């Protein structure tokens, strides 16, 4: 048996450095989630305490496009997952890592069938699931809603999708998958994704004050089951972030634009039930059909370079 002494190139490995940068290199996931939660929750605190939330602070956010969320919620979302992923990547992998990370954010070259699947499957699944839980037949949305559907999807992509998915799916999921495998890694990410939204249930975003204690729990259950669908799409498309964003924002877009007109006589709670039902059914099918692999290549849990230092813990 031949042994080899370690080769030293005169540079200190990122995860062997002392201090903050060394800690970031050793525990990129811990730092990512800590920063994502801390930055977003801090930015959302004024919104939650304002008259658009708990009413502790006597001011309200302006209504833009029929909602206060553009100024109340979106800035905090941008300060969370995407900024945290950027900061940890910059600290641990430098400019080369950032270039690789940004390059993966623009992986649009995927078979057109995946785009068709993402655009069509979400409204179809949510419509069928709503009919199943309510016993009501769907109605055809107005021409105005249908005309606004694709532009709305684009808007959701550059707001919600861009704010969240570069962190959850592009940064965290490959590392969790590498450490725990696709099924367990998704089970770790799903509840954290849901928990990140929790302060918003105390605001207009979460229909406060008309929100029951079961609503956040149902939301977290849904982020867990839908995460399995997202992991499968992400793996099967070779890590295409635009496709992951399209799946995520497809739900938001259908719920905000078309669901009410598709089921005009139903309370909004049925939409949440339908999302949980459809995502659970899809997750179970995918877990069984892929034997828990969720599209991950069998030779490795991490099919590509993550742009992070190796040789240390990645917690």
Protein backbone atom coordinates (compact mmCIF):
# COMPACT_ATOMS: atom_id res chain seq x y z
CA UNK A 1 0.00 0.00 0.00
CA UNK A 2 1.46 3.32 -1.04
CA UNK A 3 0.86 6.43 0.98
CA UNK A 4 1.28 10.01 -0.14
CA UNK A 5 2.14 12.97 2.00
CA UNK A 6 -0.22 15.92 1.66
CA UNK A 7 0.83 18.48 -0.90
CA UNK A 8 1.09 22.07 0.30
CA UNK A 9 0.80 24.78 -2.32
CA UNK A 10 1.64 27.64 -0.03
CA UNK A 11 -2.00 28.64 0.46
CA UNK A 12 -4.26 27.92 3.41
CA UNK A 13 -7.38 25.95 2.57
CA UNK A 14 -10.50 28.09 3.15
CA UNK A 15 -11.91 25.70 5.76
CA UNK A 16 -8.54 25.57 7.59
CA UNK A 17 -8.38 29.33 8.11
CA UNK A 18 -8.90 30.73 11.59
CA UNK A 19 -11.65 33.17 12.42
CA UNK A 20 -14.88 33.96 10.62
CA UNK A 21 -13.79 32.91 7.13
CA UNK A 22 -12.62 29.55 8.43
CA UNK A 23 -15.94 29.04 10.19
CA UNK A 24 -17.79 29.89 6.98
CA UNK A 25 -15.69 27.35 5.10
CA UNK A 26 -16.31 24.61 7.66
CA UNK A 27 -20.01 25.23 8.11
CA UNK A 28 -21.42 26.90 4.98
CA UNK A 29 -24.93 25.52 5.45
CA UNK A 30 -25.16 26.63 9.07
CA UNK A 31 -24.05 30.10 8.09
CA UNK A 32 -26.34 30.23 5.08
CA UNK A 33 -29.48 29.36 7.03
CA UNK A 34 -28.54 31.60 9.95
CA UNK A 35 -27.99 34.58 7.68
CA UNK A 36 -31.08 33.89 5.55
CA UNK A 37 -33.33 33.82 8.60
CA UNK A 38 -31.67 36.70 10.45
CA UNK A 39 -31.54 39.11 7.51
CA UNK A 40 -35.08 38.44 6.29
CA UNK A 41 -36.68 38.44 9.72
CA UNK A 42 -34.92 41.67 10.67
CA UNK A 43 -36.10 43.34 7.45
CA UNK A 44 -39.67 42.07 7.94
CA UNK A 45 -39.97 43.23 11.54
CA UNK A 46 -41.21 46.76 10.70
CA UNK A 47 -43.81 45.30 8.31
CA UNK A 48 -45.03 42.80 10.90
CA UNK A 49 -45.23 45.52 13.57
CA UNK A 50 -46.90 48.06 11.26
CA UNK A 51 -50.60 48.54 10.65
CA UNK A 52 -50.24 45.91 7.94
CA UNK A 53 -49.51 43.43 10.70
CA UNK A 54 -49.79 43.56 14.48
CA UNK A 55 -50.46 47.31 14.56
CA UNK A 56 -47.81 48.06 17.19
CA UNK A 57 -46.27 50.76 15.01
CA UNK A 58 -48.70 53.35 13.70
CA UNK A 59 -47.78 53.48 10.06
CA UNK A 60 -48.68 51.46 7.01
CA UNK A 61 -46.89 50.40 3.87
CA UNK A 62 -48.06 51.88 0.55
CA UNK A 63 -50.23 49.81 -1.75
CA UNK A 64 -48.51 49.12 -5.08
CA UNK A 65 -50.24 46.96 -7.65
CA UNK A 66 -53.00 46.15 -5.18
CA UNK A 67 -50.68 44.91 -2.41
CA UNK A 68 -48.33 46.17 0.29
CA UNK A 69 -46.02 43.20 -0.17
CA UNK A 70 -43.76 44.78 -2.80
CA UNK A 71 -42.27 47.10 -0.19
CA UNK A 72 -43.20 45.16 2.93
CA UNK A 73 -42.08 41.65 2.01
CA UNK A 74 -39.92 41.63 -1.12
CA UNK A 75 -36.92 43.60 0.26
CA UNK A 76 -36.61 41.15 3.14
CA UNK A 77 -36.86 38.23 0.75
CA UNK A 78 -33.99 39.62 -1.34
CA UNK A 79 -31.92 40.13 1.81
CA UNK A 80 -32.41 36.49 2.81
CA UNK A 81 -31.68 33.39 0.70
CA UNK A 82 -30.06 34.95 -2.36
CA UNK A 83 -27.87 37.43 -0.47
CA UNK A 84 -26.87 34.80 2.10
CA UNK A 85 -25.88 32.38 -0.66
CA UNK A 86 -23.88 35.15 -2.33
CA UNK A 87 -22.06 36.09 0.87
CA UNK A 88 -21.16 32.54 1.89
CA UNK A 89 -20.05 31.66 -1.64
CA UNK A 90 -17.90 34.80 -1.86
CA UNK A 91 -16.28 34.12 1.51
CA UNK A 92 -15.58 30.44 0.89
CA UNK A 93 -14.94 30.19 -2.85
CA UNK A 94 -13.93 33.70 -3.91
CA UNK A 95 -14.41 35.17 -7.35
CA UNK A 96 -14.13 31.83 -9.12
CA UNK A 97 -16.87 30.39 -6.94
CA UNK A 98 -19.08 33.40 -7.54
CA UNK A 99 -18.60 33.13 -11.30
CA UNK A 100 -19.58 29.45 -11.17
CA UNK A 101 -22.57 30.23 -8.93
CA UNK A 102 -23.82 33.04 -11.17
CA UNK A 103 -23.31 30.85 -14.22
CA UNK A 104 -25.57 28.19 -12.74
CA UNK A 105 -28.24 30.81 -12.09
CA UNK A 106 -28.62 31.28 -15.84
CA UNK A 107 -28.82 27.65 -16.94
CA UNK A 108 -31.74 28.15 -19.33
CA UNK A 109 -30.64 25.58 -21.91
CA UNK A 110 -32.89 22.70 -20.93
CA UNK A 111 -35.18 20.62 -23.16
CA UNK A 112 -38.31 22.64 -23.95
CA UNK A 113 -40.48 19.82 -22.57
CA UNK A 114 -39.38 20.73 -19.07
CA UNK A 115 -40.59 24.30 -19.54
CA UNK A 116 -43.91 23.00 -20.86
CA UNK A 117 -44.17 20.64 -17.89
CA UNK A 118 -43.45 23.40 -15.39
CA UNK A 119 -45.89 25.88 -16.95
CA UNK A 120 -48.77 23.45 -17.50
CA UNK A 121 -48.48 20.92 -14.68
CA UNK A 122 -48.82 23.38 -11.80
CA UNK A 123 -52.21 24.92 -12.75
CA UNK A 124 -53.49 21.53 -13.88
CA UNK A 125 -52.54 19.81 -10.62
CA UNK A 126 -53.91 22.63 -8.46
CA UNK A 127 -57.18 22.73 -10.40
CA UNK A 128 -57.71 18.97 -10.15
CA UNK A 129 -56.80 18.95 -6.46
CA UNK A 130 -59.16 21.82 -5.68
CA UNK A 131 -61.99 20.00 -7.42
CA UNK A 132 -61.13 16.88 -5.43
CA UNK A 133 -61.18 18.57 -2.01
CA UNK A 134 -64.22 20.77 -2.73
CA UNK A 135 -66.35 18.72 -5.08
CA UNK A 136 -66.71 21.81 -7.30
CA UNK A 137 -66.09 21.98 -11.03
CA UNK A 138 -63.64 24.64 -12.24
CA UNK A 139 -64.72 27.68 -14.22
CA UNK A 140 -62.75 29.26 -17.04
CA UNK A 141 -60.94 32.43 -15.90
CA UNK A 142 -61.58 35.67 -17.76
CA UNK A 143 -59.69 36.66 -20.89
CA UNK A 144 -57.93 39.37 -18.88
CA UNK A 145 -56.59 36.82 -16.40
CA UNK A 146 -55.47 34.46 -19.15
CA UNK A 147 -53.73 37.33 -20.95
CA UNK A 148 -51.96 38.37 -17.75
CA UNK A 149 -50.87 34.85 -16.83
CA UNK A 150 -47.52 34.68 -18.64
CA UNK A 151 -46.52 38.29 -17.83
CA UNK A 152 -47.42 37.55 -14.22
CA UNK A 153 -45.22 34.48 -14.30
CA UNK A 154 -42.29 36.55 -15.55
CA UNK A 155 -42.86 39.09 -12.76
CA UNK A 156 -42.97 36.32 -10.17
CA UNK A 157 -39.73 34.88 -11.58
CA UNK A 158 -37.76 38.09 -11.02
CA UNK A 159 -39.31 38.77 -7.61
CA UNK A 160 -40.19 35.72 -5.51
CA UNK A 161 -38.29 33.19 -7.60
CA UNK A 162 -35.08 35.18 -7.83
CA UNK A 163 -35.17 36.16 -4.16
CA UNK A 164 -35.54 32.60 -2.84
CA UNK A 165 -34.44 29.85 -5.18
CA UNK A 166 -30.74 30.78 -5.66
CA UNK A 167 -30.50 30.11 -1.94
CA UNK A 168 -32.81 27.19 -1.25
CA UNK A 169 -32.31 25.12 -4.38
CA UNK A 170 -29.03 26.33 -5.89
CA UNK A 171 -26.94 26.76 -2.73
CA UNK A 172 -28.48 24.62 0.01
CA UNK A 173 -30.03 21.63 -1.76
CA UNK A 174 -26.89 20.28 -3.49
CA UNK A 175 -24.95 20.47 -0.22
CA UNK A 176 -27.75 18.81 1.77
CA UNK A 177 -28.06 16.18 -0.94
CA UNK A 178 -24.32 15.55 -0.86
CA UNK A 179 -24.36 15.07 2.89
CA UNK A 180 -27.66 13.28 3.54
CA UNK A 181 -28.80 11.98 0.16
CA UNK A 182 -31.69 13.36 -1.92
CA UNK A 183 -34.64 12.14 0.18
CA UNK A 184 -33.30 13.06 3.62
CA UNK A 185 -31.66 16.24 2.36
CA UNK A 186 -35.02 17.39 1.01
CA UNK A 187 -36.63 16.54 4.34
CA UNK A 188 -34.16 18.89 6.02
CA UNK A 189 -34.68 21.74 3.56
CA UNK A 190 -38.48 21.59 3.34
CA UNK A 191 -39.36 22.61 6.92
CA UNK A 192 -36.62 25.26 7.00
CA UNK A 193 -38.04 26.78 3.82
CA UNK A 194 -41.47 26.91 5.43
CA UNK A 195 -40.25 28.18 8.80
CA UNK A 196 -38.47 31.09 7.12
CA UNK A 197 -41.91 32.47 6.18
CA UNK A 198 -43.35 32.30 9.73
CA UNK A 199 -43.16 36.01 10.72
CA UNK A 200 -45.21 36.87 7.64
CA UNK A 201 -48.22 35.02 9.03
CA UNK A 202 -48.50 37.96 11.45
CA UNK A 203 -49.04 40.33 8.51
CA UNK A 204 -51.32 40.85 5.53
CA UNK A 205 -49.21 38.30 3.66
CA UNK A 206 -50.61 35.61 5.93
CA UNK A 207 -54.13 37.11 6.12
CA UNK A 208 -53.57 38.38 9.65
CA UNK A 209 -55.60 38.61 11.90
CA UNK A 210 -57.84 36.03 10.23
CA UNK A 211 -55.28 33.23 10.42
CA UNK A 212 -55.66 30.09 12.53
CA UNK A 213 -52.84 28.22 14.23
CA UNK A 214 -53.22 25.37 11.74
CA UNK A 215 -52.44 27.56 8.73
CA UNK A 216 -48.65 27.82 9.31
CA UNK A 217 -48.50 24.09 10.07
CA UNK A 218 -50.27 23.26 6.81
CA UNK A 219 -47.91 25.63 5.03
CA UNK A 220 -44.82 23.85 6.39
CA UNK A 221 -46.27 20.46 5.51
CA UNK A 222 -46.71 21.74 1.97
CA UNK A 223 -43.18 23.16 1.70
CA UNK A 224 -41.90 19.72 2.71
CA UNK A 225 -43.91 17.78 0.15
CA UNK A 226 -43.43 20.34 -2.63
CA UNK A 227 -39.69 20.33 -1.96
CA UNK A 228 -39.58 16.72 -3.14
CA UNK A 229 -41.06 17.80 -6.45
CA UNK A 230 -38.57 20.66 -6.66
CA UNK A 231 -35.62 18.38 -5.90
CA UNK A 232 -36.68 15.97 -8.64
CA UNK A 233 -37.04 18.75 -11.22
CA UNK A 234 -33.72 20.30 -10.15
CA UNK A 235 -31.86 16.99 -10.41
CA UNK A 236 -33.47 15.81 -13.64
CA UNK A 237 -32.65 19.09 -15.40
CA UNK A 238 -29.00 18.94 -14.35
CA UNK A 239 -29.42 21.66 -11.75
CA UNK A 240 -31.39 24.21 -13.79
CA UNK A 241 -32.27 27.02 -11.42
CA UNK A 242 -34.66 28.73 -13.90
CA UNK A 243 -36.75 25.54 -13.98
CA UNK A 244 -36.85 25.40 -10.19
CA UNK A 245 -37.87 29.05 -10.11
CA UNK A 246 -40.57 28.37 -12.68
CA UNK A 247 -42.06 25.55 -10.60
CA UNK A 248 -42.09 27.68 -7.46
CA UNK A 249 -43.48 30.82 -9.06
CA UNK A 250 -46.01 28.83 -11.08
CA UNK A 251 -47.80 28.08 -7.82
CA UNK A 252 -47.70 31.71 -6.67
CA UNK A 253 -48.86 32.98 -10.04
CA UNK A 254 -51.81 30.60 -10.37
CA UNK A 255 -52.93 31.20 -6.79
CA UNK A 256 -52.73 34.99 -7.03
CA UNK A 257 -54.12 35.44 -10.55
CA UNK A 258 -56.34 32.57 -11.59
CA UNK A 259 -57.45 30.44 -8.63
CA UNK A 260 -60.18 32.78 -7.39
CA UNK A 261 -61.80 33.00 -10.83
CA UNK A 262 -61.40 29.27 -11.41
CA UNK A 263 -63.24 28.55 -8.14
CA UNK A 264 -65.17 31.77 -7.43
CA UNK A 265 -67.41 30.35 -4.70
CA UNK A 266 -64.68 28.77 -2.56
CA UNK A 267 -62.90 30.21 0.47
CA UNK A 268 -59.15 30.70 0.13
CA UNK A 269 -58.46 27.86 2.55
CA UNK A 270 -59.34 25.39 -0.18
CA UNK A 271 -56.35 26.61 -2.20
CA UNK A 272 -53.98 25.67 0.61
CA UNK A 273 -55.64 22.26 1.01
CA UNK A 274 -55.37 21.65 -2.74
CA UNK A 275 -51.69 22.59 -2.79
CA UNK A 276 -50.95 20.18 0.06
CA UNK A 277 -52.94 17.39 -1.57
CA UNK A 278 -51.36 17.76 -5.01
CA UNK A 279 -47.80 18.16 -3.74
CA UNK A 280 -48.15 15.20 -1.38
CA UNK A 281 -49.46 12.98 -4.15
CA UNK A 282 -46.66 14.06 -6.49
CA UNK A 283 -44.01 13.59 -3.79
CA UNK A 284 -45.17 10.06 -3.00
CA UNK A 285 -45.23 9.08 -6.66
CA UNK A 286 -41.73 10.47 -7.23
CA UNK A 287 -40.27 8.87 -4.11
CA UNK A 288 -41.66 5.46 -5.07
CA UNK A 289 -40.88 5.74 -8.78
CA UNK A 290 -37.28 6.86 -8.19
CA UNK A 291 -36.73 4.70 -5.08
CA UNK A 292 -35.85 7.84 -3.18
CA UNK A 293 -33.23 9.00 -5.68
CA UNK A 294 -35.36 11.90 -6.97
CA UNK A 295 -33.38 12.08 -10.19
CA UNK A 296 -29.99 12.21 -8.49
CA UNK A 297 -27.29 10.28 -10.42
CA UNK A 298 -26.54 7.02 -8.55
CA UNK A 299 -22.78 7.45 -8.74
CA UNK A 300 -22.79 10.57 -6.61
CA UNK A 301 -25.07 12.65 -4.43
CA UNK A 302 -23.57 15.85 -5.86
CA UNK A 303 -23.34 15.72 -9.67
CA UNK A 304 -21.47 19.00 -10.06
CA UNK A 305 -18.94 21.32 -8.47
CA UNK A 306 -20.65 23.36 -5.79
CA UNK A 307 -18.07 26.11 -5.80
CA UNK A 308 -17.34 25.46 -2.14
CA UNK A 309 -14.17 24.32 -0.39
CA UNK A 310 -13.73 20.61 0.13
CA UNK A 311 -12.00 18.51 2.71
CA UNK A 312 -13.93 19.72 5.76
CA UNK A 313 -17.32 19.57 7.34
CA UNK A 314 -20.16 21.03 5.36
CA UNK A 315 -22.78 21.51 8.00
